[in-house]
């Protein structure tokens, strides 16, 4: 990732999805949306992947955009 994991933690708002929370702890990120709690693993640059089950072939992608100051 281009930033420390803690920099990605926070609340993100979307008109389509509402509030999504990202937490950081123990060297990993977790995405929380509604009743979902999805551990995220680093995929590429500012993109992370979360799988509901370890055996899932494909996961959900969380891509962070950085602002002009380099903050997610």
N, C-alpha and C. Protein backbone atom coordinates (compact mmCIF):
# COMPACT_ATOMS: atom_id res chain seq x y z
N UNK A 1 0.83 -1.20 0.00
CA UNK A 1 0.00 0.00 0.00
C UNK A 1 0.87 1.26 0.00
N UNK A 2 0.31 2.33 -0.51
CA UNK A 2 1.08 3.57 -0.56
C UNK A 2 1.08 4.30 0.78
N UNK A 3 0.23 3.90 1.71
CA UNK A 3 0.13 4.53 3.03
C UNK A 3 0.20 3.46 4.12
N UNK A 4 0.46 3.90 5.37
CA UNK A 4 0.34 2.98 6.50
C UNK A 4 -1.11 2.53 6.59
N UNK A 5 -1.35 1.32 7.04
CA UNK A 5 -2.73 0.80 7.10
C UNK A 5 -3.65 1.70 7.92
N UNK A 6 -3.15 2.27 8.99
CA UNK A 6 -3.99 3.11 9.85
C UNK A 6 -4.54 4.32 9.10
N UNK A 7 -3.86 4.77 8.04
CA UNK A 7 -4.32 5.93 7.28
C UNK A 7 -5.63 5.63 6.54
N UNK A 8 -5.92 4.38 6.26
CA UNK A 8 -7.14 4.00 5.54
C UNK A 8 -8.34 3.89 6.48
N UNK A 9 -8.12 3.84 7.77
CA UNK A 9 -9.21 3.69 8.73
C UNK A 9 -10.06 4.95 8.76
N UNK A 10 -11.37 4.75 8.90
CA UNK A 10 -12.28 5.88 9.00
C UNK A 10 -13.64 5.52 8.45
N UNK A 11 -14.50 6.53 8.38
CA UNK A 11 -15.83 6.35 7.81
C UNK A 11 -15.86 6.93 6.41
N UNK A 12 -16.45 6.18 5.52
CA UNK A 12 -16.59 6.60 4.14
C UNK A 12 -18.08 6.61 3.82
N UNK A 13 -18.53 7.64 3.12
CA UNK A 13 -19.96 7.79 2.80
C UNK A 13 -20.18 7.70 1.30
N UNK A 14 -21.24 7.00 0.94
CA UNK A 14 -21.62 6.85 -0.45
C UNK A 14 -23.13 7.02 -0.54
N UNK A 15 -23.58 7.74 -1.55
CA UNK A 15 -25.03 7.88 -1.73
C UNK A 15 -25.66 6.53 -2.05
N UNK A 16 -24.93 5.66 -2.71
CA UNK A 16 -25.46 4.35 -3.08
C UNK A 16 -25.41 3.35 -1.93
N UNK A 17 -24.35 3.37 -1.12
CA UNK A 17 -24.14 2.34 -0.11
C UNK A 17 -24.28 2.82 1.33
N UNK A 18 -24.37 4.10 1.54
CA UNK A 18 -24.46 4.62 2.91
C UNK A 18 -23.08 4.72 3.53
N UNK A 19 -22.99 4.44 4.81
CA UNK A 19 -21.73 4.56 5.54
C UNK A 19 -21.01 3.23 5.58
N UNK A 20 -19.74 3.27 5.23
CA UNK A 20 -18.85 2.11 5.30
C UNK A 20 -17.75 2.49 6.27
N UNK A 21 -17.45 1.63 7.21
CA UNK A 21 -16.37 1.88 8.17
C UNK A 21 -15.20 0.96 7.86
N UNK A 22 -14.03 1.52 7.94
CA UNK A 22 -12.81 0.73 7.80
C UNK A 22 -12.03 0.89 9.09
N UNK A 23 -11.69 -0.22 9.71
CA UNK A 23 -10.91 -0.19 10.95
C UNK A 23 -9.55 -0.84 10.71
N UNK A 24 -8.60 -0.44 11.53
CA UNK A 24 -7.24 -0.96 11.43
C UNK A 24 -6.84 -1.50 12.79
N UNK A 25 -6.20 -2.65 12.79
CA UNK A 25 -5.72 -3.23 14.04
C UNK A 25 -5.02 -4.55 13.79
N UNK A 26 -3.99 -4.80 14.54
CA UNK A 26 -3.28 -6.06 14.41
C UNK A 26 -2.63 -6.26 13.05
N UNK A 27 -2.27 -5.17 12.38
CA UNK A 27 -1.61 -5.29 11.09
C UNK A 27 -2.53 -5.59 9.92
N UNK A 28 -3.83 -5.34 10.09
CA UNK A 28 -4.77 -5.59 8.99
C UNK A 28 -5.91 -4.58 9.02
N UNK A 29 -6.68 -4.58 7.95
CA UNK A 29 -7.86 -3.73 7.84
C UNK A 29 -9.11 -4.59 7.84
N UNK A 30 -10.22 -3.99 8.30
CA UNK A 30 -11.51 -4.66 8.24
C UNK A 30 -12.54 -3.66 7.75
N UNK A 31 -13.34 -4.06 6.79
CA UNK A 31 -14.42 -3.24 6.25
C UNK A 31 -15.72 -3.65 6.94
N UNK A 32 -16.47 -2.68 7.43
CA UNK A 32 -17.75 -2.95 8.08
C UNK A 32 -18.83 -2.17 7.35
N UNK A 33 -19.82 -2.90 6.84
CA UNK A 33 -20.94 -2.29 6.14
C UNK A 33 -22.19 -3.08 6.49
N UNK A 34 -23.17 -2.38 7.03
CA UNK A 34 -24.39 -3.01 7.53
C UNK A 34 -23.98 -4.14 8.49
N UNK A 35 -24.36 -5.39 8.20
CA UNK A 35 -23.99 -6.50 9.10
C UNK A 35 -22.71 -7.21 8.65
N UNK A 36 -22.13 -6.78 7.55
CA UNK A 36 -20.89 -7.39 7.05
C UNK A 36 -19.69 -6.94 7.83
N UNK A 37 -18.79 -7.84 8.10
CA UNK A 37 -17.46 -7.54 8.64
C UNK A 37 -16.49 -8.34 7.78
N UNK A 38 -15.76 -7.63 6.96
CA UNK A 38 -14.96 -8.26 5.93
C UNK A 38 -13.49 -7.92 6.12
N UNK A 39 -12.65 -8.90 6.47
CA UNK A 39 -11.22 -8.64 6.57
C UNK A 39 -10.66 -8.31 5.18
N UNK A 40 -9.79 -7.32 5.12
CA UNK A 40 -9.20 -6.90 3.85
C UNK A 40 -7.73 -7.28 3.81
N UNK A 41 -7.30 -7.77 2.67
CA UNK A 41 -5.87 -8.04 2.46
C UNK A 41 -5.40 -7.17 1.30
N UNK A 42 -4.15 -6.76 1.37
CA UNK A 42 -3.61 -5.89 0.34
C UNK A 42 -3.56 -6.62 -0.99
N UNK A 43 -4.01 -5.94 -2.04
CA UNK A 43 -4.02 -6.53 -3.39
C UNK A 43 -2.98 -5.84 -4.28
N UNK A 44 -3.07 -4.49 -4.40
CA UNK A 44 -2.18 -3.73 -5.28
C UNK A 44 -2.34 -2.25 -4.99
N UNK A 45 -1.24 -1.55 -4.73
CA UNK A 45 -1.25 -0.13 -4.40
C UNK A 45 -2.30 0.17 -3.33
N UNK A 46 -3.36 0.94 -3.68
CA UNK A 46 -4.39 1.32 -2.71
C UNK A 46 -5.66 0.48 -2.88
N UNK A 47 -5.49 -0.73 -3.36
CA UNK A 47 -6.60 -1.65 -3.58
C UNK A 47 -6.44 -2.84 -2.64
N UNK A 48 -7.54 -3.20 -2.00
CA UNK A 48 -7.57 -4.31 -1.05
C UNK A 48 -8.67 -5.27 -1.47
N UNK A 49 -8.54 -6.52 -1.05
CA UNK A 49 -9.53 -7.55 -1.38
C UNK A 49 -10.03 -8.17 -0.09
N UNK A 50 -11.33 -8.39 -0.04
CA UNK A 50 -11.93 -9.06 1.10
C UNK A 50 -12.73 -10.26 0.66
N UNK A 51 -12.58 -11.35 1.39
CA UNK A 51 -13.33 -12.57 1.09
C UNK A 51 -14.17 -12.94 2.30
N UNK A 52 -15.43 -13.27 2.05
CA UNK A 52 -16.30 -13.69 3.14
C UNK A 52 -15.86 -15.02 3.70
N UNK A 53 -15.39 -15.91 2.82
CA UNK A 53 -14.90 -17.22 3.23
C UNK A 53 -13.54 -17.45 2.58
N UNK A 54 -12.65 -18.07 3.27
CA UNK A 54 -11.30 -18.31 2.77
C UNK A 54 -11.31 -19.07 1.45
N UNK A 55 -12.28 -19.94 1.27
CA UNK A 55 -12.31 -20.77 0.06
C UNK A 55 -12.90 -20.05 -1.15
N UNK A 56 -13.43 -18.84 -0.98
CA UNK A 56 -13.98 -18.09 -2.11
C UNK A 56 -12.88 -17.79 -3.12
N UNK A 57 -13.17 -18.06 -4.39
CA UNK A 57 -12.18 -17.82 -5.44
C UNK A 57 -11.97 -16.32 -5.65
N UNK A 58 -13.04 -15.56 -5.62
CA UNK A 58 -12.96 -14.12 -5.84
C UNK A 58 -13.51 -13.39 -4.63
N UNK A 59 -12.91 -12.26 -4.34
CA UNK A 59 -13.37 -11.47 -3.21
C UNK A 59 -13.98 -10.16 -3.67
N UNK A 60 -14.31 -9.36 -2.71
CA UNK A 60 -14.83 -8.02 -2.96
C UNK A 60 -13.65 -7.06 -2.97
N UNK A 61 -13.67 -6.10 -3.87
CA UNK A 61 -12.56 -5.16 -4.01
C UNK A 61 -12.92 -3.85 -3.32
N UNK A 62 -11.98 -3.33 -2.54
CA UNK A 62 -12.10 -2.00 -1.93
C UNK A 62 -10.92 -1.18 -2.44
N UNK A 63 -11.23 -0.17 -3.24
CA UNK A 63 -10.18 0.67 -3.82
C UNK A 63 -10.28 2.06 -3.23
N UNK A 64 -9.18 2.55 -2.68
CA UNK A 64 -9.15 3.86 -2.05
C UNK A 64 -8.54 4.87 -3.01
N UNK A 65 -9.21 6.00 -3.14
CA UNK A 65 -8.66 7.13 -3.92
C UNK A 65 -8.00 8.09 -2.94
N UNK A 66 -6.88 8.65 -3.34
CA UNK A 66 -6.17 9.60 -2.48
C UNK A 66 -6.48 11.01 -2.93
N UNK A 67 -6.64 11.92 -1.95
CA UNK A 67 -6.87 13.33 -2.28
C UNK A 67 -5.55 14.01 -2.62
N UNK A 68 -5.60 15.32 -2.85
CA UNK A 68 -4.40 16.07 -3.25
C UNK A 68 -3.30 16.02 -2.19
N UNK A 69 -3.69 15.81 -0.92
CA UNK A 69 -2.72 15.73 0.17
C UNK A 69 -2.21 14.30 0.37
N UNK A 70 -2.71 13.36 -0.44
CA UNK A 70 -2.30 11.97 -0.31
C UNK A 70 -3.05 11.19 0.74
N UNK A 71 -4.18 11.72 1.20
CA UNK A 71 -4.99 11.03 2.21
C UNK A 71 -6.12 10.27 1.54
N UNK A 72 -6.39 9.05 2.03
CA UNK A 72 -7.52 8.28 1.47
C UNK A 72 -8.86 8.94 1.74
